[in-house]
Protein backbone atom coordinates (compact mmCIF):
# COMPACT_ATOMS: atom_id res chain seq x y z
CA MET A 1 -81.42 -10.93 -20.49
CA ARG A 2 -82.08 -7.38 -19.31
CA GLU A 3 -81.57 -4.91 -22.08
CA ARG A 4 -79.61 -1.81 -21.40
CA GLY A 5 -79.92 1.13 -23.70
CA LEU A 6 -77.19 3.55 -24.59
CA VAL A 7 -78.64 6.66 -26.21
CA MET A 8 -76.47 9.44 -27.52
CA GLY A 9 -77.89 12.71 -28.84
CA TRP A 10 -76.23 13.75 -32.09
CA ASN A 11 -76.29 17.49 -31.30
CA ALA A 12 -74.76 17.01 -27.86
CA ARG A 13 -72.22 14.64 -29.33
CA TRP A 14 -71.35 17.12 -32.07
CA ARG A 15 -70.45 19.73 -29.45
CA ARG A 16 -68.06 17.22 -27.92
CA TRP A 17 -66.72 16.16 -31.33
CA GLY A 18 -63.13 16.85 -30.34
CA GLY A 19 -63.17 14.13 -27.66
CA TRP A 20 -65.17 11.72 -29.85
CA ALA A 21 -62.81 12.26 -32.75
CA ALA A 22 -59.82 11.27 -30.67
CA LEU A 23 -61.61 8.16 -29.39
CA ALA A 24 -62.79 7.20 -32.87
CA ALA A 25 -59.29 7.64 -34.27
CA ALA A 26 -57.93 5.33 -31.57
CA ALA A 27 -60.62 2.74 -32.34
CA VAL A 28 -59.88 2.86 -36.07
CA LEU A 29 -56.16 2.56 -35.39
CA ALA A 30 -56.77 -0.46 -33.13
CA ALA A 31 -58.97 -2.08 -35.75
CA GLY A 32 -56.39 -1.57 -38.46
CA THR A 33 -53.58 -2.88 -36.28
CA LEU A 34 -55.32 -5.95 -34.85
CA ASP A 35 -57.43 -7.15 -37.74
CA ALA A 36 -56.43 -5.38 -40.90
CA PRO A 37 -57.03 -8.37 -43.24
CA GLN A 38 -60.51 -8.95 -41.78
CA ALA A 39 -61.72 -5.31 -41.64
CA GLN A 40 -64.92 -5.01 -43.65
CA ASP A 41 -67.50 -2.24 -44.09
CA ARG A 42 -71.03 -3.14 -43.07
CA SER A 43 -73.95 -1.04 -44.34
CA ALA A 44 -77.61 -1.01 -43.36
CA ALA A 45 -80.56 0.54 -45.13
CA ALA A 46 -83.72 1.77 -43.48
CA GLY A 47 -86.03 -1.11 -42.58
CA ARG A 48 -83.36 -3.78 -43.07
CA THR A 49 -81.17 -5.68 -40.62
CA SER A 50 -77.49 -6.36 -41.26
CA PHE A 51 -75.46 -9.12 -39.60
CA VAL A 52 -72.05 -8.22 -38.17
CA ARG A 53 -69.62 -10.85 -36.82
CA ILE A 54 -66.73 -9.53 -34.75
CA SER A 55 -63.87 -11.28 -33.01
CA ILE A 56 -63.57 -10.58 -29.33
CA GLY A 57 -61.34 -7.55 -28.71
CA LYS A 58 -61.61 -6.34 -32.33
CA SER A 59 -63.85 -3.90 -34.19
CA GLU A 60 -65.80 -3.54 -37.43
CA THR A 61 -66.91 -0.39 -39.26
CA ALA A 62 -70.61 -0.14 -40.03
CA ARG A 63 -72.28 2.40 -42.33
CA THR A 64 -75.82 3.65 -42.81
CA GLY A 65 -77.56 5.01 -45.88
CA ALA A 66 -78.76 8.13 -44.08
CA SER A 67 -77.54 10.39 -41.32
CA PHE A 68 -78.24 9.29 -37.77
CA ALA A 69 -78.33 11.09 -34.46
CA ASP A 70 -78.73 8.39 -31.81
CA VAL A 71 -77.12 4.96 -31.26
CA VAL A 72 -78.66 2.31 -28.97
CA VAL A 73 -76.73 -0.82 -27.90
CA ALA A 74 -78.96 -3.51 -26.42
CA ASP A 75 -76.21 -5.11 -24.30
CA PRO A 76 -73.17 -2.85 -23.77
CA GLU A 77 -71.34 -5.72 -21.99
CA VAL A 78 -71.16 -7.70 -25.26
CA ALA A 79 -70.32 -4.86 -27.68
CA ASP A 80 -69.89 -1.12 -27.81
CA ALA A 81 -70.62 1.33 -30.64
CA VAL A 82 -68.58 4.49 -31.27
CA PRO A 83 -69.80 7.02 -33.93
CA LEU A 84 -67.19 7.97 -36.50
CA THR A 85 -69.25 10.28 -38.72
CA ASP A 86 -72.95 10.98 -39.09
CA ARG A 87 -73.21 7.89 -41.36
CA SER A 88 -70.64 5.47 -39.90
CA LEU A 89 -69.83 3.91 -36.57
CA SER A 90 -67.27 1.46 -35.14
CA ILE A 91 -68.58 -1.62 -33.31
CA LEU A 92 -66.16 -3.16 -30.76
CA GLY A 93 -66.54 -6.75 -29.50
CA LYS A 94 -66.12 -7.00 -25.74
CA LYS A 95 -67.51 -10.41 -24.68
CA ILE A 96 -68.70 -13.62 -26.33
CA GLY A 97 -72.37 -13.33 -27.12
CA THR A 98 -74.91 -11.54 -29.33
CA THR A 99 -76.52 -8.12 -29.18
CA ARG A 100 -78.27 -5.56 -31.42
CA VAL A 101 -77.17 -2.06 -32.36
CA SER A 102 -79.90 0.33 -33.59
CA VAL A 103 -79.31 3.79 -35.09
CA TYR A 104 -81.96 6.53 -35.24
CA ALA A 105 -82.28 9.84 -37.06
CA GLU A 106 -83.76 13.04 -35.66
CA GLY A 107 -87.30 12.43 -34.48
CA LYS A 108 -86.50 8.80 -33.47
CA THR A 109 -86.77 7.52 -37.02
CA LEU A 110 -85.06 4.14 -37.42
CA VAL A 111 -82.16 4.36 -39.86
CA GLY A 112 -80.60 0.88 -39.52
CA VAL A 113 -80.26 -2.22 -37.34
CA PHE A 114 -77.11 -4.34 -36.85
CA ASP A 115 -77.27 -7.82 -35.29
CA VAL A 116 -73.84 -8.30 -33.74
CA GLU A 117 -72.24 -11.65 -32.86
CA VAL A 118 -69.02 -11.55 -30.88
CA SER A 119 -67.00 -14.79 -31.28
CA TYR A 120 -63.47 -16.10 -30.91
CA ASP A 121 -60.69 -15.17 -33.29
CA THR A 122 -60.62 -18.44 -35.25
CA SER A 123 -58.10 -17.21 -37.83
CA ARG A 124 -55.30 -17.22 -35.27
CA LEU A 125 -56.19 -20.75 -34.13
CA ALA A 126 -56.39 -21.99 -37.72
CA SER A 127 -52.94 -20.55 -38.45
CA GLU A 128 -51.39 -22.20 -35.40
CA LEU A 129 -53.00 -25.57 -36.18
CA ALA A 130 -51.76 -25.47 -39.78
CA GLN A 131 -48.24 -24.69 -38.58
CA ARG A 132 -48.25 -27.30 -35.81
CA PHE A 133 -49.88 -30.14 -37.80
CA PRO A 134 -48.94 -29.88 -41.49
CA ARG A 135 -50.29 -33.38 -42.29
CA ALA A 136 -53.76 -32.53 -41.02
CA HIS A 137 -56.41 -30.41 -42.73
CA PHE A 138 -58.34 -28.59 -40.02
CA ARG A 139 -61.06 -26.00 -40.52
CA VAL A 140 -61.93 -23.69 -37.64
CA SER A 141 -65.19 -21.78 -37.28
CA SER A 142 -67.34 -20.28 -34.55
CA VAL A 143 -70.91 -21.46 -33.92
CA ASN A 144 -73.10 -19.92 -31.21
CA GLY A 145 -70.14 -18.74 -29.18
CA ARG A 146 -68.31 -22.08 -29.44
CA ILE A 147 -65.34 -23.15 -31.55
CA MET A 148 -66.09 -25.87 -34.10
CA LEU A 149 -63.19 -27.95 -35.39
CA SER A 150 -63.79 -29.82 -38.65
CA GLY A 151 -61.75 -31.35 -41.47
CA THR A 152 -59.53 -34.44 -41.40
CA SER A 153 -56.77 -35.74 -39.14
CA PRO A 154 -54.24 -38.48 -40.00
CA ASP A 155 -54.53 -40.14 -36.58
CA ALA A 156 -56.21 -39.86 -33.21
CA VAL A 157 -53.11 -38.45 -31.50
CA THR A 158 -53.05 -35.42 -33.80
CA LEU A 159 -56.74 -34.88 -33.17
CA ASP A 160 -56.30 -34.99 -29.39
CA LEU A 161 -53.50 -32.43 -29.53
CA ALA A 162 -55.55 -30.17 -31.80
CA MET A 163 -58.52 -30.38 -29.44
CA THR A 164 -56.26 -29.42 -26.53
CA MET A 165 -55.02 -26.37 -28.40
CA ALA A 166 -58.56 -25.37 -29.37
CA LYS A 167 -59.73 -25.54 -25.76
CA GLN A 168 -57.08 -22.99 -24.81
CA PHE A 169 -58.87 -20.45 -27.04
CA GLY A 170 -62.38 -21.15 -25.72
CA GLY A 171 -64.26 -23.25 -23.23
CA ASP A 172 -66.44 -25.47 -25.42
CA VAL A 173 -65.10 -27.05 -28.61
CA ILE A 174 -67.27 -28.96 -31.10
CA ASN A 175 -65.35 -31.88 -32.61
CA SER A 176 -66.38 -32.65 -36.20
CA VAL A 177 -63.00 -33.96 -37.37
CA ARG A 178 -62.78 -37.25 -39.25
CA VAL A 179 -59.77 -39.51 -38.64
CA THR A 180 -58.58 -40.83 -42.00
CA GLN A 181 -56.35 -43.64 -40.67
CA PRO A 182 -57.75 -44.98 -37.38
CA GLN A 183 -55.23 -47.23 -35.63
CA GLN A 184 -56.12 -50.36 -33.70
CA VAL A 185 -54.18 -52.02 -30.92
CA MET A 186 -54.32 -55.72 -30.03
CA LEU A 187 -53.36 -56.60 -26.49
CA GLU A 188 -51.95 -60.06 -25.75
CA VAL A 189 -52.33 -60.73 -22.03
CA ARG A 190 -51.21 -63.79 -20.08
CA PHE A 191 -52.41 -64.34 -16.52
CA ILE A 192 -49.88 -66.73 -14.94
CA GLU A 193 -50.10 -68.09 -11.40
CA ALA A 194 -46.91 -69.71 -10.08
CA THR A 195 -45.76 -71.07 -6.74
CA ARG A 196 -43.17 -69.23 -4.68
CA THR A 197 -40.62 -71.97 -5.36
CA ALA A 198 -40.93 -71.46 -9.10
CA GLY A 199 -37.77 -69.38 -9.20
CA ARG A 200 -35.49 -72.22 -8.15
CA GLU A 201 -37.20 -74.74 -10.44
CA LEU A 202 -37.03 -72.32 -13.33
CA GLY A 203 -33.31 -71.95 -12.77
CA ILE A 204 -32.77 -75.68 -13.34
CA ASN A 205 -34.72 -75.60 -16.59
CA TRP A 206 -33.09 -72.41 -17.80
CA ASP A 207 -29.63 -73.73 -17.01
CA ILE A 208 -30.22 -76.52 -19.52
CA MET A 209 -31.48 -74.07 -22.13
CA ALA A 210 -28.50 -71.81 -21.53
CA ARG A 211 -26.11 -74.64 -22.37
CA ASN A 212 -28.08 -75.77 -25.43
CA PHE A 213 -28.90 -72.43 -27.02
CA GLN A 214 -26.05 -70.27 -25.67
CA THR A 215 -28.36 -67.73 -24.10
CA VAL A 216 -27.22 -64.67 -22.21
CA THR A 217 -24.68 -65.63 -19.55
CA GLY A 218 -25.59 -65.04 -15.95
CA ILE A 219 -29.33 -65.61 -16.33
CA ALA A 220 -29.20 -69.22 -15.17
CA GLY A 221 -27.42 -68.23 -11.99
CA MET A 222 -29.82 -65.38 -11.35
CA VAL A 223 -32.99 -67.43 -11.63
CA ALA A 224 -31.58 -70.27 -9.55
CA GLY A 225 -31.77 -68.10 -6.44
CA THR A 226 -34.70 -67.24 -4.25
CA GLU A 227 -36.01 -64.26 -6.20
CA PRO A 228 -39.82 -63.96 -6.50
CA PHE A 229 -41.39 -65.18 -9.68
CA GLY A 230 -42.39 -61.71 -10.84
CA THR A 231 -38.87 -60.36 -10.41
CA ILE A 232 -37.47 -63.20 -12.49
CA VAL A 233 -39.98 -62.68 -15.28
CA GLY A 234 -39.36 -58.94 -15.37
CA THR A 235 -35.59 -59.41 -15.53
CA LEU A 236 -35.81 -61.98 -18.31
CA LEU A 237 -38.16 -59.79 -20.34
CA GLY A 238 -35.77 -56.89 -19.90
CA ARG A 239 -32.97 -58.98 -21.40
CA GLY A 240 -34.97 -59.87 -24.50
CA ILE A 241 -36.10 -63.37 -23.49
CA GLN A 242 -39.49 -64.33 -24.89
CA ALA A 243 -42.23 -64.63 -22.31
CA GLU A 244 -43.59 -67.81 -23.92
CA VAL A 245 -40.33 -69.64 -23.20
CA ILE A 246 -40.50 -68.75 -19.51
CA ILE A 247 -44.11 -69.83 -19.19
CA ARG A 248 -43.58 -73.17 -20.91
CA ALA A 249 -40.60 -73.92 -18.69
CA LEU A 250 -42.83 -73.60 -15.63
CA GLU A 251 -45.78 -75.44 -17.13
CA GLU A 252 -43.60 -78.46 -17.93
CA ARG A 253 -43.01 -78.98 -14.21
CA GLY A 254 -46.51 -78.08 -13.09
CA LEU A 255 -45.29 -75.01 -11.19
CA ALA A 256 -47.43 -72.52 -13.09
CA ARG A 257 -50.74 -72.47 -14.85
CA ARG A 258 -52.36 -70.05 -17.24
CA LEU A 259 -55.48 -68.59 -15.73
CA ALA A 260 -56.44 -66.85 -18.97
CA GLU A 261 -54.86 -65.68 -22.19
CA PRO A 262 -57.19 -63.10 -23.77
CA ASN A 263 -56.45 -61.15 -26.94
CA LEU A 264 -58.38 -57.89 -27.17
CA VAL A 265 -58.52 -55.32 -29.97
CA ALA A 266 -59.51 -51.68 -29.44
CA LEU A 267 -59.34 -48.47 -31.40
CA SER A 268 -56.82 -45.91 -30.27
CA GLY A 269 -58.45 -43.91 -27.49
CA ASP A 270 -61.26 -46.41 -26.82
CA THR A 271 -61.60 -48.91 -23.96
CA ALA A 272 -61.91 -52.69 -24.27
CA SER A 273 -62.77 -55.09 -21.43
CA PHE A 274 -62.69 -58.84 -20.82
CA LEU A 275 -64.08 -61.15 -18.14
CA ALA A 276 -63.68 -64.91 -17.78
CA GLY A 277 -65.56 -65.96 -14.70
CA GLY A 278 -69.08 -65.50 -13.45
CA GLU A 279 -71.46 -63.53 -11.28
CA PHE A 280 -72.97 -64.35 -7.90
CA PRO A 281 -76.12 -62.79 -6.40
CA ILE A 282 -76.06 -60.33 -3.52
CA PRO A 283 -79.31 -59.37 -1.74
CA VAL A 284 -79.74 -55.62 -1.25
CA SER A 285 -82.37 -54.16 1.08
CA SER A 286 -84.13 -50.91 0.22
CA ASN A 287 -85.73 -48.28 2.47
CA LEU A 288 -89.18 -49.67 1.69
CA GLY A 289 -88.29 -53.05 3.14
CA THR A 290 -88.06 -54.84 -0.19
CA VAL A 291 -85.06 -56.96 -1.12
CA THR A 292 -83.52 -56.80 -4.57
CA VAL A 293 -80.73 -58.87 -6.04
CA GLU A 294 -77.55 -57.48 -7.53
CA PHE A 295 -74.84 -59.52 -9.19
CA LYS A 296 -71.14 -59.19 -8.45
CA LYS A 297 -68.59 -60.26 -11.03
CA PHE A 298 -65.63 -62.50 -10.24
CA GLY A 299 -62.96 -64.29 -12.23
CA VAL A 300 -60.20 -63.02 -14.51
CA GLY A 301 -60.97 -59.53 -15.79
CA LEU A 302 -59.14 -56.95 -17.84
CA ALA A 303 -59.83 -53.41 -19.05
CA PHE A 304 -57.39 -51.37 -21.11
CA THR A 305 -57.32 -48.12 -23.07
CA PRO A 306 -54.60 -47.77 -25.73
CA THR A 307 -53.52 -44.49 -27.31
CA VAL A 308 -51.15 -44.57 -30.26
CA LEU A 309 -48.69 -41.70 -29.96
CA GLU A 310 -46.26 -40.33 -32.49
CA ASP A 311 -43.65 -42.65 -34.01
CA GLY A 312 -45.69 -45.75 -33.13
CA LEU A 313 -45.36 -45.41 -29.35
CA ILE A 314 -48.36 -46.94 -27.52
CA ASN A 315 -49.64 -45.36 -24.31
CA LEU A 316 -51.46 -48.09 -22.39
CA LYS A 317 -53.77 -47.77 -19.40
CA ILE A 318 -54.43 -51.27 -18.10
CA GLU A 319 -56.46 -52.58 -15.15
CA PRO A 320 -56.18 -56.37 -14.66
CA GLU A 321 -58.00 -58.21 -11.89
CA VAL A 322 -58.19 -61.78 -10.61
CA SER A 323 -60.83 -62.67 -8.03
CA GLN A 324 -62.29 -65.86 -6.59
CA LEU A 325 -64.99 -66.80 -4.12
CA ASP A 326 -63.94 -67.33 -0.51
CA PRO A 327 -66.42 -69.72 1.18
CA THR A 328 -64.56 -69.48 4.50
CA THR A 329 -65.66 -65.87 5.01
CA THR A 330 -69.39 -65.40 4.53
CA ILE A 331 -72.22 -63.18 5.67
CA THR A 332 -75.90 -64.08 6.01
CA VAL A 333 -78.51 -61.53 4.91
CA GLY A 334 -82.18 -62.43 5.10
CA GLY A 335 -81.41 -66.12 5.32
CA ILE A 336 -79.13 -65.98 2.27
CA THR A 337 -75.44 -66.75 2.71
CA VAL A 338 -73.19 -64.50 0.64
CA PRO A 339 -69.51 -65.43 0.20
CA SER A 340 -66.69 -62.93 0.13
CA LEU A 341 -64.13 -62.37 -2.61
CA ILE A 342 -60.37 -62.76 -2.69
CA VAL A 343 -59.25 -60.07 -5.12
CA ARG A 344 -55.89 -59.29 -6.66
CA ARG A 345 -56.08 -56.10 -8.68
CA ALA A 346 -53.62 -53.72 -10.34
CA ALA A 347 -53.82 -50.51 -12.38
CA THR A 348 -50.96 -48.88 -14.25
CA THR A 349 -50.05 -46.73 -17.25
CA VAL A 350 -47.06 -47.58 -19.43
CA GLU A 351 -45.68 -46.66 -22.83
CA LEU A 352 -44.40 -49.42 -25.11
CA ARG A 353 -43.62 -50.01 -28.73
CA ASP A 354 -45.16 -52.62 -30.97
CA GLY A 355 -44.26 -56.11 -29.73
CA GLN A 356 -42.60 -55.08 -26.46
CA SER A 357 -43.71 -56.82 -23.26
CA PHE A 358 -43.92 -55.85 -19.62
CA ALA A 359 -44.91 -57.77 -16.50
CA ILE A 360 -47.04 -56.90 -13.49
CA ALA A 361 -46.15 -59.09 -10.52
CA GLY A 362 -46.04 -59.18 -6.75
CA LEU A 363 -49.75 -59.98 -6.34
CA LEU A 364 -49.14 -62.66 -3.71
CA GLN A 365 -51.64 -64.98 -2.09
CA SER A 366 -50.89 -67.09 0.98
CA ILE A 367 -53.20 -69.90 2.10
CA SER A 368 -52.51 -71.73 5.38
CA THR A 369 -54.32 -74.96 6.24
CA THR A 370 -54.18 -76.86 9.53
CA ASP A 371 -55.60 -80.39 9.68
CA GLN A 372 -55.83 -82.19 13.03
CA ARG A 373 -57.14 -85.74 13.52
CA GLN A 374 -57.64 -87.50 16.87
CA PHE A 375 -59.62 -90.13 18.75
CA PRO A 376 -62.40 -88.66 20.85
CA TRP A 377 -61.58 -88.42 24.58
CA LEU A 378 -58.51 -90.63 24.29
CA ALA A 379 -56.52 -87.89 22.57
CA ASP A 380 -56.95 -85.70 25.64
CA VAL A 381 -55.18 -88.17 27.91
CA PRO A 382 -51.74 -86.85 28.90
CA VAL A 383 -48.73 -88.49 27.25
CA ILE A 384 -50.75 -91.28 25.64
CA GLY A 385 -53.05 -88.81 23.91
CA ALA A 386 -50.17 -87.48 21.80
CA LEU A 387 -49.91 -90.90 20.16
CA LEU A 388 -53.60 -90.92 19.27
CA ARG A 389 -53.74 -87.62 17.40
CA SER A 390 -52.00 -86.20 14.34
CA ALA A 391 -51.71 -82.67 13.01
CA ALA A 392 -50.74 -81.46 9.58
CA TYR A 393 -49.86 -77.91 8.58
CA GLN A 394 -49.76 -76.81 4.98
CA LYS A 395 -48.91 -73.37 3.59
CA LYS A 396 -49.32 -72.48 -0.05
CA GLU A 397 -48.04 -69.24 -1.54
CA THR A 398 -48.75 -68.24 -5.11
CA ASP A 399 -47.50 -65.28 -7.12
CA LEU A 400 -49.67 -63.82 -9.86
CA ALA A 401 -47.78 -62.44 -12.85
CA ILE A 402 -49.49 -60.61 -15.71
CA ILE A 403 -47.53 -60.35 -18.96
CA VAL A 404 -48.80 -57.78 -21.46
CA THR A 405 -47.74 -57.35 -25.09
CA PRO A 406 -49.39 -54.65 -27.27
CA ARG A 407 -49.34 -54.89 -31.06
CA LEU A 408 -50.46 -52.53 -33.80
CA VAL A 409 -52.90 -54.37 -36.07
CA ARG A 410 -55.06 -53.68 -39.09
CA PRO A 411 -58.21 -55.35 -40.42
CA LEU A 412 -57.84 -58.15 -42.96
CA ARG A 413 -58.14 -57.15 -46.57
CA PRO A 414 -60.91 -58.71 -48.66
CA GLY A 415 -59.84 -62.23 -49.64
CA GLU A 416 -57.30 -62.70 -46.83
CA HIS A 417 -57.69 -65.86 -44.73
CA ALA A 418 -58.18 -65.37 -41.02
CA ARG A 419 -56.18 -67.91 -39.02
CA THR A 420 -57.89 -69.74 -36.19
CA PRO A 421 -56.58 -72.06 -33.44
CA PHE A 422 -57.91 -75.01 -35.46
CA ASP A 423 -55.53 -74.29 -38.34
CA ASN A 424 -52.69 -75.96 -36.41
CA ALA A 425 -54.67 -78.73 -34.71
CA LEU A 426 -57.07 -81.52 -35.58
CA PRO A 427 -59.33 -83.53 -33.27
CA ALA A 428 -57.81 -86.90 -32.41
CA ASN A 429 -59.37 -90.16 -33.54
CA ASP A 430 -60.19 -93.03 -31.18
CA PRO A 431 -56.72 -94.74 -31.22
CA ASP A 432 -54.93 -91.43 -30.57
CA TYR A 433 -57.34 -90.49 -27.80
CA PHE A 434 -57.60 -93.82 -25.92
CA LEU A 435 -54.13 -95.30 -26.57
CA LEU A 436 -51.93 -92.21 -26.74
CA GLY A 437 -54.01 -89.92 -24.53
CA GLN A 438 -54.09 -87.12 -27.11
CA SER A 439 -57.22 -85.00 -27.36
CA GLU A 440 -55.92 -83.35 -30.53
CA LEU A 441 -53.13 -83.97 -33.02
CA PRO A 442 -49.93 -81.98 -32.59
CA PRO A 443 -48.92 -79.45 -35.28
CA SER A 444 -46.14 -81.72 -36.59
CA LYS A 445 -48.61 -84.54 -37.30
CA VAL A 446 -51.07 -82.11 -38.88
CA ARG A 447 -48.36 -80.93 -41.27
CA ALA A 448 -47.43 -84.55 -42.05
CA ILE A 449 -51.03 -85.42 -42.91
CA ALA A 450 -51.40 -82.29 -45.00
CA GLY A 451 -48.24 -83.14 -46.95
CA GLN A 452 -49.35 -86.65 -47.96
CA PRO A 453 -50.42 -87.13 -51.60
CA ARG A 454 -54.10 -87.47 -52.26
CA PRO A 455 -55.39 -90.98 -53.06
CA GLN A 456 -55.69 -91.89 -56.74
CA VAL A 457 -58.72 -94.18 -56.34
CA GLY A 458 -62.17 -93.53 -55.00
CA HIS A 459 -65.78 -93.11 -55.97
CA ILE A 460 -67.34 -90.45 -58.14
CA LEU A 461 -71.00 -89.70 -57.58
CA ASP A 462 -72.78 -88.68 -60.75
CA VAL A 463 -76.01 -86.90 -59.88
CA ARG A 464 -78.58 -87.32 -62.63
CA LYS A 465 -82.25 -86.76 -62.89
CA GLY A 466 -84.04 -89.62 -61.21
CA GLY A 467 -81.27 -90.81 -58.87
CA VAL A 468 -77.60 -91.08 -57.98
CA HIS A 469 -75.32 -93.34 -60.03
CA ALA A 470 -71.88 -94.42 -58.82
CA ALA A 471 -68.97 -94.71 -61.23
CA HIS A 472 -65.62 -96.37 -60.48
C-alpha cells in the first residue's frame, strides 16, 4: 500500500485557527451526536503507540502528553486527523481498514503514534439482532475488517436470518454461532410405478372401501374415470386419504409396484442423498490418446435439503430421479458398447408441516413393441402370404408417482429401544415356507406366538468346574 503523508505546520495552522476551529467544532459535534456513548479519549506518550478503534463514519478524540506541531496520516483514504488543540486531535474513520497517525513537535520530534483501525458499527447491529431475535444470544464484534457473529441460537432458521442481517452491514461475516437445539428431518419417500389403467382399477377398489368405511363421498366416482394416476393420488392426498391405502389398493391387483421406499434423515439446512441402483463404465478419451473409464450412476436416486422454518414449517428442496439402462440405443467407443439411459427426473421446492404428504407425478414412460413372425419366402406370396405371417403390437405406458412425507424427528434417548423391520416379522419355518408359501410370518401370527405362555418344563444346564451337568 502506498503511503501518503499529510503534514501540517503548527505555525501556519495557528494563523488559520479560525477556519480550523469551525471545522473542529463541527467534528466534535458530529462525534457527540453519532456516537456519544462510545466516545473515549485516547492518549499517547512519547515513544509509545496507542491503539484506536473507530466505527466507519464516526470519530474519536486522541490526546498527547506534549504539544505537537505536525500531524501525518499514513493513509488519508482510511482515516483523517483534525487538530483540536496543541495537545488533542480528532480522528475520523472514512473507510474499512487500518492506518497510522503520527504527531510531531517542533524540530520533527516524535510526540505520539496512534494505530487506527476503522471497522463496522457493531453496536447498531447487536441492538437490532437483540430486538429481532429475543430468544437468541448473539455477540457481534469486528475482526480484521469483518463482522464476527458469535453466541448461541435456538435453531438454524434464526441463525440464517441473523446471518442475512449481518451481511447487510458488511460483506464478509464470520459465523461462530452455536445452535443449541439442532432439528432433524426424516423424509419418507415412496417411488411408485403404475400403469395408465390404474385409475379405473383403483376406482373399483376404492368404491368397495367407500361403502365399508364411509369415506368421503364422490371419491369413488372421481377415481373410476380416466384421470392419470398422479392426478388421482394428488387429489386423494388433498382430501386427507393416507397414501399407504392408495398404494396397497394398486399392489393388490398388480397394477403398481414400489421401486424404492427410502427413509432419510438430515439436519436442517444440510443435504442428504440416496441411490438404489448401480454404475456402468463409460470410456473417455483424453487429448494424449489415452482412454480412461468413468462410471455413470443409474437406478432410483434422491437428494433433498430440508430447512425447518418458524412454527414447525418445513421448507423442502427435493430432487428425485429414476433411470434405467436402454440396450436398444447404444454407442460404440473404442470397441466398447455403451448403453444409453432412460431418465425420469424432477426438482421442486415445497413447504409442508410435519406429517403432511405431497405427490410428484406425470413422469410418463411409453414403450411400444412390434413382434412379427412369418415363414421365409412363403410369407411374401400375395394373398396366401398373409396366412403365413402374424404380427403383434404391444404398447405399455407407465406413470411414475413420487409420494413424499417429511417428519420432524429427534435422536433416541439412552435406554430407548430402536424398532427395526424384524420387530413385526419372523422368518418362516419349513412348513410355512413350502406348504403355505410364506417367506416370513405375518404380524398377527408374531403377536400370537409372543402372547403364548412360556413352557413350564425343560432342561437346566448347571455349569460346574470340570464339565456340564444336566438337571431335570
